[in-house]
Amino acid sequence: MPGPVLGSLRVSMPLTLARRSVGSRRVIRSPYAAVPSAVVEAIQRDDEARPADYRRNFTGGLIHGVFFQLSEAFSNINTVLPSFIATLTGSTVVIGLMVVAQEIGHVVPQLITAYRVEDRPYEKPILMWIITMRWVSWLLLAVVTAMFALDRPDLVLFLLVGLFAAFSFAGGIGSVVYADVFAKAIPTQKRGRFIGWKQLIGYALAIGAGWVVAWILSGSGGIGYPMNYAVIFFLAAVFLLIALFGIVIVKEPPSTHERETGSLGESIQRAVRLTKANRNFRRLLAARGLTSVLLMSAPFFVLFALNDIGVNQAAVGLYLAAQMTGAALSNLLWGWLGDRFGNRAVIIGTSLAGLGAALAGLSAIVAGPMPLYVTFFLVGATMSGLRLGYANIILEMAPDHLRATCVALLGTLLAPLALLPLAIGIVVTWIPLTAVLILDAVAMAGAVVVSILLRDPRHGAEGVCIT
């Protein structure tokens, strides 16, 4: 999409072709005749920068991204799913299993997927298959919840864990494929606008989703259990189906590059060498891992609110709205910090937000439920900062030939941490959930220290990865 100045020139100039009479002749002047050559060149460059299907891909990508984010809000792992599990069983282990499934499913397939699709000309069919499987999973869960949650909660729980595990594994594959498809479909110089609009509209709708969830779970609409959760899961399925329609619209340009790596084993060996050789990368890995402790334990915060603080089910939707609001507002702050001071500043700010989330949760023991809104607001800010700061600093830290390896490594090397939620789910059977918040506070204090020790590659060569 052209900028406002170039866009207005392109629209207006063909409509204002200057005409003047010379005797009986009418001379039509070129639409660019009175325009400075620098402006004409800028218009031509702008046209050349856009692939033929740019507008179509921008629209399809926007539909997909916005409705995918809205669907995720209705199936949020930190709020909606833990509260639903609490209606099926009193076991905290199941919540731990769900988070483990999400983390392992997201991380494990990435290196393998990146290797397998490296020389594929088209990847969109894979993405369509993945999204289809995911929306059908939520639809199936909605039907099973409505039919069996009261009489067969064990069956619903079994299907929930199984479907969510498959859902997460497919998501891990999809994250790699999605990145490659849209790297081809949206040109680099237009990507910032695309992401900006996607996040702006997506976060606004996700905040609204929190209020809808609160309304449904409050019983104000006359929807009781288990139909309330069945409706929520049905909405998650519908919005994912709309997101699939967005992908259908996108016209994926073919890839022309050939495989650059040898075997998968050689790729893994290079990854190990890179990690050993780069202290700053190890610091980044440590800060990311410590921050993950908070985010992996966040699903237990709802149980803490329901069981220890005594809030009602409707509060779950308000916590979701608070989390999405924190993610949306902090995104503006993180963007400004990253541009002004570098992504190291974003990572430090993210660590401080996570520390604040844990401390606010602990204060709820004395102050009551109100600080929990701060907790979920700051959890949203932490998640937003994690996505922005770590994703961007690794792109600046890694040279072109190491970029894909570094990006995959940042997730893959943290895979053992994925077992932490299961350990927490087992441990809190005997100890209070307050201990989880104390663990989070300690981990985030460590993340603050490590992130301060990071070297920003933008401000010094010592921050850049080497082979």
Protein backbone atom coordinates (compact mmCIF):
# COMPACT_ATOMS: atom_id res chain seq x y z
CA MET A 1 0.00 0.00 0.00
CA PRO A 2 1.55 3.31 -1.00
CA GLY A 3 2.16 6.05 1.49
CA PRO A 4 -0.34 8.95 1.70
CA VAL A 5 1.71 11.32 -0.47
CA LEU A 6 2.64 8.85 -3.16
CA GLY A 7 -0.81 7.32 -3.09
CA SER A 8 -2.54 10.67 -3.65
CA LEU A 9 -0.17 11.48 -6.50
CA ARG A 10 -0.87 8.16 -8.16
CA VAL A 11 -4.64 8.65 -7.93
CA SER A 12 -4.85 12.32 -8.79
CA MET A 13 -2.33 12.74 -11.58
CA PRO A 14 -4.01 10.51 -14.18
CA LEU A 15 -7.27 12.37 -13.48
CA THR A 16 -5.74 15.80 -13.96
CA LEU A 17 -3.99 15.42 -17.26
CA ALA A 18 -3.24 18.96 -18.37
CA ARG A 19 -4.67 19.86 -21.76
CA ARG A 20 -3.85 22.91 -23.81
CA SER A 21 -4.79 23.86 -27.36
CA VAL A 22 -2.23 24.65 -30.02
CA GLY A 23 -4.18 25.85 -33.05
CA SER A 24 -6.59 23.07 -33.75
CA ARG A 25 -4.51 20.49 -31.91
CA ARG A 26 -5.02 19.42 -28.33
CA VAL A 27 -1.80 18.41 -26.64
CA ILE A 28 -2.06 16.07 -23.69
CA ARG A 29 0.85 16.49 -21.34
CA SER A 30 2.35 13.54 -19.50
CA PRO A 31 0.87 13.06 -15.98
CA TYR A 32 4.42 13.16 -14.61
CA ALA A 33 5.56 16.20 -16.60
CA ALA A 34 5.15 18.71 -13.78
CA VAL A 35 6.33 16.31 -11.07
CA PRO A 36 9.92 16.35 -9.79
CA SER A 37 11.91 13.40 -11.08
CA ALA A 38 12.76 12.27 -7.52
CA VAL A 39 9.04 11.86 -6.76
CA VAL A 40 8.46 9.91 -9.98
CA GLU A 41 11.34 7.59 -9.13
CA ALA A 42 9.92 7.09 -5.62
CA ILE A 43 6.54 6.16 -7.10
CA GLN A 44 8.16 3.70 -9.47
CA ARG A 45 10.21 2.15 -6.67
CA ASP A 46 7.07 1.84 -4.55
CA ASP A 47 5.31 0.00 -7.40
CA GLU A 48 8.26 -2.31 -7.95
CA ALA A 49 8.47 -3.10 -4.21
CA ARG A 50 4.97 -4.57 -4.24
CA PRO A 51 4.35 -7.99 -5.75
CA ALA A 52 1.36 -8.23 -8.07
CA ASP A 53 -0.76 -9.86 -5.36
CA TYR A 54 0.28 -7.56 -2.51
CA ARG A 55 -3.18 -6.16 -1.74
CA ARG A 56 -4.75 -9.59 -1.92
CA ASN A 57 -2.07 -11.06 0.36
CA PHE A 58 -2.29 -8.13 2.77
CA THR A 59 -6.07 -8.59 3.08
CA GLY A 60 -5.86 -12.37 3.44
CA GLY A 61 -3.03 -12.16 5.94
CA LEU A 62 -4.89 -9.55 7.97
CA ILE A 63 -8.07 -11.67 8.10
CA HIS A 64 -6.03 -14.70 9.13
CA GLY A 65 -3.96 -12.93 11.79
CA VAL A 66 -6.83 -11.03 13.40
CA PHE A 67 -9.23 -13.97 13.65
CA PHE A 68 -6.49 -16.39 14.67
CA GLN A 69 -5.68 -14.07 17.59
CA LEU A 70 -9.38 -13.80 18.45
CA SER A 71 -9.74 -17.59 18.44
CA GLU A 72 -6.73 -17.91 20.74
CA ALA A 73 -8.38 -15.52 23.20
CA PHE A 74 -11.45 -17.77 23.49
CA SER A 75 -9.20 -20.79 24.07
CA ASN A 76 -6.59 -19.03 26.21
CA ILE A 77 -4.28 -21.41 28.09
CA ASN A 78 -3.75 -18.99 30.98
CA THR A 79 -7.40 -18.29 31.79
CA VAL A 80 -10.20 -20.12 29.96
CA LEU A 81 -8.74 -23.64 29.84
CA PRO A 82 -7.56 -23.81 33.50
CA SER A 83 -10.98 -22.68 34.72
CA PHE A 84 -12.67 -25.30 32.51
CA ILE A 85 -10.35 -28.03 33.76
CA ALA A 86 -11.20 -27.02 37.34
CA THR A 87 -14.84 -27.92 36.59
CA LEU A 88 -13.84 -31.39 35.38
CA THR A 89 -11.27 -32.39 37.99
CA GLY A 90 -9.56 -31.11 41.10
CA SER A 91 -6.17 -32.31 39.84
CA THR A 92 -3.57 -29.66 39.11
CA VAL A 93 -1.49 -32.26 37.24
CA VAL A 94 -3.81 -32.03 34.23
CA ILE A 95 -3.11 -28.31 33.87
CA GLY A 96 0.60 -29.09 34.01
CA LEU A 97 0.14 -31.69 31.26
CA MET A 98 -1.66 -29.16 29.08
CA VAL A 99 1.14 -26.62 29.36
CA VAL A 100 3.76 -29.32 28.74
CA ALA A 101 1.86 -30.36 25.59
CA GLN A 102 1.79 -26.76 24.42
CA GLU A 103 5.47 -26.07 25.05
CA ILE A 104 6.81 -29.35 23.62
CA GLY A 105 4.40 -29.18 20.69
CA HIS A 106 5.55 -25.66 19.87
CA VAL A 107 9.29 -26.27 20.21
CA VAL A 108 10.13 -29.84 19.15
CA PRO A 109 8.91 -29.73 15.52
CA GLN A 110 10.65 -26.45 14.64
CA LEU A 111 14.16 -27.58 13.66
CA ILE A 112 12.81 -30.65 11.86
CA THR A 113 10.12 -28.63 10.06
CA ALA A 114 12.60 -25.95 9.00
CA TYR A 115 14.82 -28.67 7.51
CA ARG A 116 11.95 -30.48 5.75
CA VAL A 117 10.40 -27.42 4.09
CA GLU A 118 13.68 -25.72 3.16
CA ASP A 119 13.47 -26.63 -0.54
CA ARG A 120 9.68 -26.80 -0.97
CA PRO A 121 8.38 -24.32 -3.57
CA TYR A 122 4.94 -24.02 -1.87
CA GLU A 123 4.05 -24.37 1.83
CA LYS A 124 0.54 -22.89 1.94
CA PRO A 125 -1.18 -26.33 1.61
CA ILE A 126 0.59 -27.45 4.82
CA LEU A 127 -0.66 -24.35 6.64
CA MET A 128 -4.24 -24.90 5.41
CA TRP A 129 -4.17 -28.51 6.60
CA ILE A 130 -2.89 -27.46 10.03
CA ILE A 131 -5.55 -24.77 10.54
CA THR A 132 -8.28 -27.15 9.38
CA MET A 133 -7.20 -29.73 11.92
CA ARG A 134 -7.16 -27.08 14.65
CA TRP A 135 -10.62 -25.60 14.05
CA VAL A 136 -12.16 -29.06 13.75
CA SER A 137 -10.54 -29.95 17.11
CA TRP A 138 -12.26 -27.03 18.87
CA LEU A 139 -15.58 -27.84 17.21
CA LEU A 140 -15.33 -31.46 18.34
CA LEU A 141 -14.46 -30.34 21.87
CA ALA A 142 -17.47 -27.98 21.91
CA VAL A 143 -19.81 -30.85 20.95
CA VAL A 144 -18.28 -33.29 23.45
CA THR A 145 -18.42 -30.69 26.23
CA ALA A 146 -22.10 -29.99 25.62
CA MET A 147 -22.99 -33.70 25.54
CA PHE A 148 -20.76 -35.31 28.17
CA ALA A 149 -19.23 -32.76 30.60
CA LEU A 150 -21.86 -33.42 33.27
CA ASP A 151 -22.06 -37.23 33.03
CA ARG A 152 -18.62 -38.18 31.66
CA PRO A 153 -16.11 -35.50 32.74
CA ASP A 154 -13.30 -38.07 32.47
CA LEU A 155 -14.06 -38.56 28.76
CA VAL A 156 -14.11 -34.81 28.13
CA LEU A 157 -10.85 -34.40 30.03
CA PHE A 158 -9.17 -37.18 28.05
CA LEU A 159 -10.26 -35.67 24.74
CA LEU A 160 -9.26 -32.17 25.85
CA VAL A 161 -5.70 -33.21 26.67
CA GLY A 162 -5.35 -35.34 23.52
CA LEU A 163 -6.78 -32.77 21.14
CA PHE A 164 -4.80 -29.96 22.74
CA ALA A 165 -1.57 -31.96 22.40
CA ALA A 166 -2.24 -32.55 18.68
CA PHE A 167 -3.33 -28.91 18.35
CA SER A 168 -0.05 -27.70 19.88
CA PHE A 169 2.17 -30.01 17.83
CA ALA A 170 0.48 -28.82 14.65
CA GLY A 171 0.99 -25.26 15.86
CA GLY A 172 4.72 -25.86 16.20
CA ILE A 173 4.87 -26.95 12.56
CA GLY A 174 2.59 -24.11 11.53
CA SER A 175 4.69 -21.40 13.16
CA VAL A 176 7.65 -22.22 10.91
CA VAL A 177 5.53 -22.57 7.77
CA TYR A 178 3.54 -19.39 8.51
CA ALA A 179 6.72 -17.34 8.88
CA ASP A 180 8.02 -18.54 5.52
CA VAL A 181 4.73 -18.10 3.65
CA PHE A 182 4.25 -14.52 4.78
CA ALA A 183 7.90 -13.64 4.32
CA LYS A 184 7.24 -14.36 0.64
CA ALA A 185 3.71 -12.93 0.47
CA ILE A 186 4.37 -9.58 2.20
CA PRO A 187 7.45 -7.59 1.07
CA THR A 188 9.94 -6.57 3.75
CA GLN A 189 9.30 -2.82 3.53
CA LYS A 190 5.54 -3.40 3.97
CA ARG A 191 5.76 -5.93 6.79
CA GLY A 192 5.77 -3.37 9.59
CA ARG A 193 2.44 -1.94 8.42
CA PHE A 194 1.00 -5.45 8.08
CA ILE A 195 2.05 -6.50 11.59
CA GLY A 196 0.94 -3.18 13.06
CA TRP A 197 -2.60 -3.44 11.69
CA LYS A 198 -2.83 -7.12 12.59
CA GLN A 199 -1.86 -6.48 16.20
CA LEU A 200 -3.99 -3.35 16.57
CA ILE A 201 -7.21 -4.99 15.39
CA GLY A 202 -6.37 -8.39 16.89
CA TYR A 203 -5.68 -7.05 20.38
CA ALA A 204 -8.82 -4.88 20.30
CA LEU A 205 -10.99 -7.89 19.46
CA ALA A 206 -9.16 -10.09 21.99
CA ILE A 207 -9.90 -7.57 24.76
CA GLY A 208 -13.55 -7.68 23.70
CA ALA A 209 -13.38 -11.49 23.82
CA GLY A 210 -12.44 -11.28 27.50
CA TRP A 211 -15.64 -9.36 28.25
CA VAL A 212 -17.67 -11.84 26.19
CA VAL A 213 -16.18 -14.75 28.16
CA ALA A 214 -16.96 -12.95 31.43
CA TRP A 215 -20.56 -12.42 30.29
CA ILE A 216 -21.00 -16.06 29.25
CA LEU A 217 -19.49 -17.49 32.44
CA SER A 218 -21.47 -15.11 34.68
CA GLY A 219 -24.71 -16.74 33.53
CA SER A 220 -26.19 -13.36 32.61
CA GLY A 221 -27.27 -14.67 29.22
CA GLY A 222 -29.01 -17.67 30.72
CA ILE A 223 -26.29 -20.07 29.56
CA GLY A 224 -25.42 -22.55 32.30
CA TYR A 225 -22.72 -25.17 32.65
CA PRO A 226 -21.58 -27.00 30.54
CA MET A 227 -23.13 -25.09 27.61
CA ASN A 228 -21.22 -21.95 28.61
CA TYR A 229 -17.85 -23.56 27.87
CA ALA A 230 -19.27 -25.35 24.82
CA VAL A 231 -20.28 -21.96 23.39
CA ILE A 232 -16.81 -20.53 24.11
CA PHE A 233 -15.09 -23.44 22.33
CA PHE A 234 -17.57 -23.17 19.44
CA LEU A 235 -16.64 -19.50 19.02
CA ALA A 236 -12.94 -20.48 19.02
CA ALA A 237 -13.67 -22.94 16.18
CA VAL A 238 -15.69 -20.42 14.15
CA PHE A 239 -13.01 -17.75 14.34
CA LEU A 240 -10.32 -20.25 13.33
CA LEU A 241 -12.45 -21.21 10.33
CA ILE A 242 -12.57 -17.54 9.32
CA ALA A 243 -8.78 -17.42 9.80
CA LEU A 244 -8.51 -20.35 7.37
CA PHE A 245 -10.49 -18.32 4.82
CA GLY A 246 -7.80 -15.63 5.11
CA ILE A 247 -5.11 -18.17 4.19
CA VAL A 248 -7.19 -19.34 1.21
CA ILE A 249 -7.15 -15.77 -0.13
CA VAL A 250 -3.34 -15.50 0.04
CA LYS A 251 -1.47 -16.25 -3.18
CA GLU A 252 1.88 -17.68 -2.16
CA PRO A 253 4.83 -16.89 -4.44
CA PRO A 254 7.01 -19.95 -5.11
CA SER A 255 10.35 -20.40 -3.36
CA THR A 256 13.34 -20.59 -5.65
CA HIS A 257 16.16 -21.31 -3.21
CA GLU A 258 17.75 -24.73 -2.87
CA ARG A 259 18.66 -26.59 0.30
CA GLU A 260 21.73 -25.02 1.90
CA THR A 261 22.31 -27.54 4.66
CA GLY A 262 23.42 -31.13 4.30
CA SER A 263 21.76 -33.58 6.66
CA LEU A 264 19.63 -32.79 9.70
CA GLY A 265 22.48 -34.11 11.85
CA GLU A 266 24.88 -31.54 10.37
CA SER A 267 22.39 -28.77 11.16
CA ILE A 268 22.19 -29.90 14.79
CA GLN A 269 26.01 -30.11 15.10
CA ARG A 270 26.36 -26.56 13.81
CA ALA A 271 23.77 -25.43 16.36
CA VAL A 272 25.74 -26.99 19.23
CA ARG A 273 28.98 -25.34 18.08
CA LEU A 274 27.28 -21.97 17.84
CA THR A 275 25.93 -22.20 21.38
CA LYS A 276 29.33 -23.10 22.84
CA ALA A 277 31.13 -20.30 21.01
CA ASN A 278 28.83 -17.40 21.96
CA ARG A 279 28.58 -16.19 25.56
CA ASN A 280 26.05 -13.48 24.71
CA PHE A 281 23.78 -16.03 23.06
CA ARG A 282 23.97 -18.15 26.23
CA ARG A 283 22.98 -15.10 28.29
CA LEU A 284 20.04 -14.52 26.00
CA LEU A 285 19.10 -18.17 26.39
CA ALA A 286 19.29 -17.89 30.20
CA ALA A 287 17.12 -14.74 30.33
CA ARG A 288 14.58 -16.37 28.02
CA GLY A 289 14.52 -19.53 30.12
CA LEU A 290 14.00 -17.66 33.41
CA THR A 291 11.17 -15.64 31.87
CA SER A 292 9.61 -18.89 30.66
CA VAL A 293 9.32 -20.04 34.28
CA LEU A 294 6.75 -17.29 34.89
CA LEU A 295 4.84 -17.82 31.65
CA MET A 296 4.74 -21.60 32.02
CA SER A 297 3.29 -21.29 35.51
CA ALA A 298 0.78 -18.55 34.56
CA PRO A 299 -2.07 -21.07 33.97
CA PHE A 300 -1.93 -21.88 37.69
CA PHE A 301 -2.70 -18.24 38.57
CA VAL A 302 -6.38 -18.83 37.73
CA LEU A 303 -6.50 -21.76 40.15
CA PHE A 304 -4.84 -19.55 42.76
CA ALA A 305 -7.55 -16.93 42.18
CA LEU A 306 -10.43 -19.44 42.22
CA ASN A 307 -9.29 -21.65 45.10
CA ASP A 308 -7.11 -19.47 47.36
CA ILE A 309 -8.56 -15.98 46.81
CA GLY A 310 -12.15 -17.10 46.18
CA VAL A 311 -13.11 -15.25 42.96
CA ASN A 312 -16.03 -16.47 40.82
CA GLN A 313 -15.92 -17.95 37.31
CA ALA A 314 -16.91 -14.65 35.66
CA ALA A 315 -13.61 -13.13 36.86
CA VAL A 316 -11.80 -15.46 34.45
CA GLY A 317 -13.06 -13.42 31.48
CA LEU A 318 -11.98 -10.18 33.15
CA TYR A 319 -8.51 -11.63 33.75
CA LEU A 320 -8.38 -12.50 30.05
CA ALA A 321 -9.35 -8.92 29.16
CA ALA A 322 -6.68 -7.59 31.54
CA GLN A 323 -4.03 -9.85 29.98
CA MET A 324 -4.92 -8.76 26.44
CA THR A 325 -4.99 -5.09 27.49
CA GLY A 326 -1.52 -5.46 29.01
CA ALA A 327 -0.24 -7.06 25.82
CA ALA A 328 -1.77 -4.34 23.63
CA LEU A 329 -0.63 -1.31 25.62
CA SER A 330 2.84 -2.64 26.40
CA ASN A 331 3.36 -3.38 22.72
CA LEU A 332 3.51 0.37 22.14
CA LEU A 333 6.08 0.76 24.92
CA TRP A 334 8.23 -2.14 23.74
CA GLY A 335 8.20 -0.81 20.17
CA TRP A 336 9.35 2.63 21.32
CA LEU A 337 12.04 1.18 23.61
CA GLY A 338 13.33 -1.09 20.86
CA ASP A 339 13.59 1.74 18.34
CA ARG A 340 15.05 4.25 20.79
CA PHE A 341 17.41 2.15 22.93
CA GLY A 342 17.65 -1.30 21.32
CA ASN A 343 16.04 -4.67 22.06
CA ARG A 344 18.17 -5.25 25.16
CA ALA A 345 16.07 -2.50 26.78
CA VAL A 346 12.90 -4.37 25.75
CA ILE A 347 14.19 -7.57 27.36
CA ILE A 348 15.08 -5.76 30.59
CA GLY A 349 11.62 -4.16 30.65
CA THR A 350 10.00 -7.54 29.99
CA SER A 351 11.88 -9.06 32.93
CA LEU A 352 10.77 -6.23 35.21
CA ALA A 353 7.16 -6.69 34.08
CA GLY A 354 7.35 -10.39 34.89
CA LEU A 355 8.80 -9.66 38.32
CA GLY A 356 5.97 -7.19 38.94
CA ALA A 357 3.39 -9.82 37.92
CA ALA A 358 4.71 -12.31 40.48
CA LEU A 359 4.89 -9.70 43.28
CA ALA A 360 1.37 -8.43 42.52
CA GLY A 361 0.09 -12.02 42.75
CA LEU A 362 1.74 -12.48 46.13
CA SER A 363 0.20 -9.25 47.41
CA ALA A 364 -3.28 -10.66 46.67
CA ILE A 365 -2.87 -12.95 49.68
CA VAL A 366 -3.17 -9.86 51.90
CA ALA A 367 -4.94 -7.31 49.70
CA GLY A 368 -7.61 -9.52 48.14
CA PRO A 369 -8.44 -10.13 44.45
CA MET A 370 -7.76 -6.65 42.99
CA PRO A 371 -3.95 -7.07 42.58
CA LEU A 372 -4.63 -10.12 40.40
CA TYR A 373 -5.82 -7.82 37.63
CA VAL A 374 -2.36 -6.24 37.78
CA THR A 375 -0.83 -9.71 37.66
CA PHE A 376 -2.66 -10.68 34.48
CA PHE A 377 -2.06 -7.23 32.94
CA LEU A 378 1.69 -7.65 33.51
CA VAL A 379 1.61 -11.28 32.31
CA GLY A 380 0.21 -9.91 29.02
CA ALA A 381 2.97 -7.29 28.94
CA THR A 382 5.59 -9.98 29.57
CA MET A 383 4.24 -12.17 26.78
CA SER A 384 4.20 -9.22 24.38
CA GLY A 385 7.75 -8.20 25.31
CA LEU A 386 8.96 -11.77 24.96
CA ARG A 387 7.63 -12.00 21.41
CA LEU A 388 8.96 -8.61 20.38
CA GLY A 389 12.28 -8.27 22.22
CA TYR A 390 13.65 -11.78 21.86
CA ALA A 391 12.44 -12.23 18.29
CA ASN A 392 14.08 -8.98 17.18
CA ILE A 393 17.35 -9.20 19.09
CA ILE A 394 18.10 -12.64 17.68
CA LEU A 395 17.65 -11.26 14.14
CA GLU A 396 20.19 -8.53 14.93
CA MET A 397 22.51 -10.90 16.77
CA ALA A 398 22.79 -13.54 14.07
CA PRO A 399 24.52 -13.08 10.68
CA ASP A 400 22.48 -14.02 7.62
CA HIS A 401 23.90 -17.51 7.31
CA LEU A 402 23.20 -18.29 11.01
CA ARG A 403 19.82 -16.60 11.38
CA ALA A 404 17.54 -19.59 10.84
CA THR A 405 19.67 -21.76 13.13
CA CYS A 406 19.72 -19.16 15.92
CA VAL A 407 15.97 -18.58 15.76
CA ALA A 408 15.22 -22.30 16.01
CA LEU A 409 17.85 -22.78 18.71
CA LEU A 410 16.36 -20.17 21.00
CA GLY A 411 13.27 -22.36 21.34
CA THR A 412 14.74 -25.82 20.93
CA LEU A 413 17.42 -25.57 23.64
CA LEU A 414 14.75 -24.58 26.16
CA ALA A 415 12.69 -27.72 25.45
CA PRO A 416 13.62 -29.42 28.79
CA LEU A 417 11.95 -26.51 30.60
CA ALA A 418 8.66 -27.67 29.09
CA LEU A 419 8.46 -30.32 31.82
CA LEU A 420 8.35 -27.63 34.53
CA PRO A 421 4.55 -27.14 34.45
CA LEU A 422 4.02 -30.86 35.02
CA ALA A 423 6.37 -30.73 38.01
CA ILE A 424 4.47 -27.71 39.34
CA GLY A 425 1.15 -29.50 38.86
CA ILE A 426 2.42 -32.44 40.92
CA VAL A 427 4.09 -30.37 43.64
CA VAL A 428 1.14 -28.05 44.33
CA THR A 429 -0.89 -31.12 45.26
CA TRP A 430 0.98 -30.97 48.58
CA ILE A 431 2.10 -27.35 48.87
CA PRO A 432 0.11 -24.11 48.43
CA LEU A 433 -0.01 -22.31 45.06
CA THR A 434 1.67 -19.38 46.80
CA ALA A 435 4.93 -21.28 46.37
CA VAL A 436 4.56 -21.00 42.59
CA LEU A 437 4.43 -17.21 42.82
CA ILE A 438 7.53 -17.19 45.04
CA LEU A 439 9.35 -19.36 42.46
CA ASP A 440 8.27 -16.95 39.74
CA ALA A 441 9.51 -13.92 41.69
CA VAL A 442 12.92 -15.52 42.19
CA ALA A 443 13.17 -16.57 38.53
CA MET A 444 12.19 -13.12 37.26
CA ALA A 445 14.66 -11.41 39.59
CA GLY A 446 17.31 -13.64 38.01
CA ALA A 447 16.03 -12.69 34.55
CA VAL A 448 16.44 -8.99 35.39
CA VAL A 449 20.08 -9.54 36.40
CA VAL A 450 20.94 -11.67 33.34
CA SER A 451 19.20 -9.30 30.92
CA ILE A 452 21.23 -6.38 32.30
CA LEU A 453 24.39 -8.37 31.51
CA LEU A 454 23.29 -8.84 27.89
CA ARG A 455 25.21 -7.01 25.17
CA ASP A 456 23.07 -5.34 22.53
CA PRO A 457 24.38 -6.28 19.03
CA ARG A 458 23.16 -2.91 17.79
CA HIS A 459 25.64 -1.12 20.03
CA GLY A 460 28.71 -3.33 19.88
CA ALA A 461 30.33 -6.21 18.02
CA GLU A 462 30.57 -8.26 21.24
CA GLY A 463 26.79 -8.81 21.03
CA VAL A 464 26.94 -10.52 17.63
CA CYS A 465 26.99 -14.31 17.23
CA ILE A 466 30.05 -15.92 15.64
CA THR A 467 30.65 -19.40 14.25
